[in-house]
Amino acid sequence: MSVKVTFKQEHRIFTLWKPEDGTENGNYSARKNGAPVHAALKAATRTTGTKENPLKIRLREKGTTNVFVYLVWKELKPFKEGCKPAWRKEGQTHYYEPHAKSIGFEQSSGSHMGEPRGIFRASYLRKLCMQELKEQEEKARAQQE
C-alpha cells in the first residue's frame, strides 16, 4: 500500500493600501518566502509607472498591520530571437517587464519602522552580538592583568 503525501504551499495575500483615506483595492497573493516583492511585481504589471517616473505603492498584508512600501515600474522589452512563450500572441514583438524596489516597511498605524532588510536581519544581529561578546571578554582579560 502506498501513501501519497502532498504539501500545500502557504500563500500571503496583500492589498494595495492608500493611507490618505484608508481604502484597499486589489488582492495580490504570493508564496510565503519572498512574498512582498512578488506581490509588488504583480502590482507593477498593472501600473503606469516608468523607470524615469516610478510609482510608489504600499502593500498591506492581510491579517496584519504590516505595510511594505515599494517603487514600481515596467519597461517595454523586445522578445529575444527564437523566444516563443505559450502566452505570446501572433505578431507580438515586445512585452512589459515589471520592476519593484523596496524602500521601506511601515505599520498601518503610520509609524515608520525603517528598512526591511538591513539592521533587522537576524544574521546581522547575531554578528553584532558576537562582536559585543568578544569585546566584553577582552575587557575582562585586560582588567585581570
Protein backbone atom coordinates (compact mmCIF):
# COMPACT_ATOMS: atom_id res chain seq x y z
CA MET A 1 0.00 0.00 0.00
CA SER A 2 1.45 3.37 -1.00
CA VAL A 3 0.69 6.69 0.60
CA LYS A 4 0.73 9.90 -1.38
CA VAL A 5 1.86 12.96 0.55
CA THR A 6 1.29 16.43 -0.87
CA PHE A 7 2.38 19.71 0.60
CA LYS A 8 0.26 22.81 0.18
CA GLN A 9 2.23 25.99 -0.43
CA GLU A 10 1.33 28.69 2.04
CA HIS A 11 0.40 31.99 0.48
CA ARG A 12 0.32 35.51 1.81
CA ILE A 13 -2.24 37.96 0.47
CA PHE A 14 -1.52 41.66 0.01
CA THR A 15 -3.75 44.58 -0.95
CA LEU A 16 -2.88 47.99 -2.37
CA TRP A 17 -3.35 50.35 0.57
CA LYS A 18 -3.92 54.11 0.39
CA PRO A 19 -3.10 55.74 3.74
CA GLU A 20 -4.83 59.01 2.82
CA ASP A 21 -8.32 57.53 3.02
CA GLY A 22 -7.58 54.00 4.30
CA THR A 23 -9.02 52.27 1.24
CA GLU A 24 -7.73 48.98 -0.14
CA ASN A 25 -8.13 47.59 -3.61
CA GLY A 26 -6.77 44.59 -5.47
CA ASN A 27 -5.64 41.32 -3.92
CA TYR A 28 -2.19 40.02 -4.79
CA SER A 29 -1.18 36.61 -3.49
CA ALA A 30 2.35 35.25 -3.39
CA ARG A 31 4.14 32.32 -1.80
CA LYS A 32 5.32 32.65 1.76
CA ASN A 33 9.04 33.25 1.09
CA GLY A 34 9.77 36.49 -0.73
CA ALA A 35 6.08 37.26 -0.91
CA PRO A 36 6.05 41.08 -0.66
CA VAL A 37 8.35 41.61 -3.62
CA HIS A 38 6.44 39.07 -5.73
CA ALA A 39 3.17 40.81 -4.93
CA ALA A 40 4.80 44.16 -5.81
CA LEU A 41 5.90 42.75 -9.18
CA LYS A 42 2.33 41.62 -9.85
CA ALA A 43 1.07 45.09 -8.96
CA ALA A 44 3.76 46.68 -11.19
CA THR A 45 2.33 44.95 -14.27
CA ARG A 46 -0.95 46.77 -13.67
CA THR A 47 0.51 50.25 -13.09
CA THR A 48 1.59 53.12 -15.33
CA GLY A 49 4.97 53.74 -13.66
CA THR A 50 8.09 54.10 -15.82
CA LYS A 51 11.79 53.88 -14.96
CA GLU A 52 12.08 57.68 -15.09
CA ASN A 53 8.88 58.17 -13.06
CA PRO A 54 8.30 55.13 -10.78
CA LEU A 55 5.07 54.78 -8.84
CA LYS A 56 5.17 54.49 -5.04
CA ILE A 57 2.82 51.79 -3.74
CA ARG A 58 2.01 50.44 -0.29
CA LEU A 59 1.09 46.77 0.07
CA ARG A 60 -0.68 45.82 3.30
CA GLU A 61 -0.52 42.17 4.31
CA LYS A 62 -3.99 40.89 5.11
CA GLY A 63 -4.45 39.85 8.73
CA THR A 64 -1.59 42.07 9.98
CA THR A 65 -0.70 45.74 10.27
CA ASN A 66 2.45 45.27 8.12
CA VAL A 67 2.75 47.65 5.17
CA PHE A 68 5.52 47.21 2.60
CA VAL A 69 6.47 50.28 0.54
CA TYR A 70 7.82 49.82 -2.99
CA LEU A 71 8.73 51.85 -6.04
CA VAL A 72 7.35 50.01 -9.07
CA TRP A 73 7.60 50.48 -12.81
CA LYS A 74 7.53 48.48 -16.01
CA GLU A 75 9.73 48.59 -19.10
CA LEU A 76 8.94 47.64 -22.68
CA LYS A 77 11.37 44.91 -23.79
CA PRO A 78 11.70 43.10 -27.13
CA PHE A 79 11.47 39.32 -27.26
CA LYS A 80 14.79 37.52 -27.76
CA GLU A 81 15.42 35.83 -31.08
CA GLY A 82 13.62 32.50 -31.24
CA CYS A 83 11.74 33.05 -27.96
CA LYS A 84 8.18 31.76 -28.27
CA PRO A 85 6.46 31.51 -24.87
CA ALA A 86 2.96 29.99 -24.83
CA TRP A 87 1.35 33.31 -23.84
CA ARG A 88 2.90 35.22 -26.76
CA LYS A 89 0.28 36.40 -29.25
CA GLU A 90 0.63 36.23 -33.02
CA GLY A 91 2.76 39.15 -34.25
CA GLN A 92 3.70 40.34 -30.73
CA THR A 93 7.27 41.70 -30.71
CA HIS A 94 7.55 43.31 -27.24
CA TYR A 95 6.45 42.66 -23.66
CA TYR A 96 6.39 44.61 -20.38
CA GLU A 97 8.95 43.62 -17.75
CA PRO A 98 7.92 44.61 -14.18
CA HIS A 99 10.38 46.01 -11.62
CA ALA A 100 9.99 46.62 -7.87
CA LYS A 101 12.42 48.30 -5.47
CA SER A 102 11.82 48.12 -1.73
CA ILE A 103 12.05 51.49 0.02
CA GLY A 104 10.69 50.70 3.48
CA PHE A 105 8.42 48.99 5.93
CA GLU A 106 5.66 50.60 7.99
CA GLN A 107 2.82 49.72 10.30
CA SER A 108 -0.66 50.66 9.08
CA SER A 109 -0.97 52.94 12.12
CA GLY A 110 1.51 55.21 10.30
CA SER A 111 4.65 54.54 12.34
CA HIS A 112 7.79 54.14 10.22
CA MET A 113 9.80 51.01 11.04
CA GLY A 114 12.82 51.62 8.77
CA GLU A 115 14.37 49.50 6.08
CA PRO A 116 13.01 45.95 5.86
CA ARG A 117 16.35 44.26 5.19
CA GLY A 118 19.41 45.63 6.85
CA ILE A 119 19.78 46.20 10.53
CA PHE A 120 16.75 43.98 11.29
CA ARG A 121 18.19 40.89 9.60
CA ALA A 122 18.80 38.04 12.04
CA SER A 123 22.30 37.26 10.72
CA TYR A 124 23.32 40.90 11.18
CA LEU A 125 22.01 40.97 14.77
CA ARG A 126 23.81 37.69 15.52
CA LYS A 127 27.05 39.18 14.18
CA LEU A 128 26.63 42.26 16.40
CA CYS A 129 26.05 40.07 19.46
CA MET A 130 29.18 38.02 18.75
CA GLN A 131 31.27 41.20 18.39
CA GLU A 132 29.91 42.55 21.66
CA LEU A 133 30.70 39.29 23.50
CA LYS A 134 34.29 39.36 22.18
CA GLU A 135 34.73 42.96 23.32
CA GLN A 136 33.43 42.09 26.80
CA GLU A 137 35.83 39.13 27.05
CA GLU A 138 38.77 41.31 26.00
CA LYS A 139 37.86 43.95 28.63
CA ALA A 140 37.61 41.25 31.31
CA ARG A 141 41.06 39.89 30.39
CA ALA A 142 42.55 43.39 30.40
CA GLN A 143 41.13 44.07 33.89
CA GLN A 144 42.53 40.78 35.28
CA GLU A 145 46.05 41.66 34.11
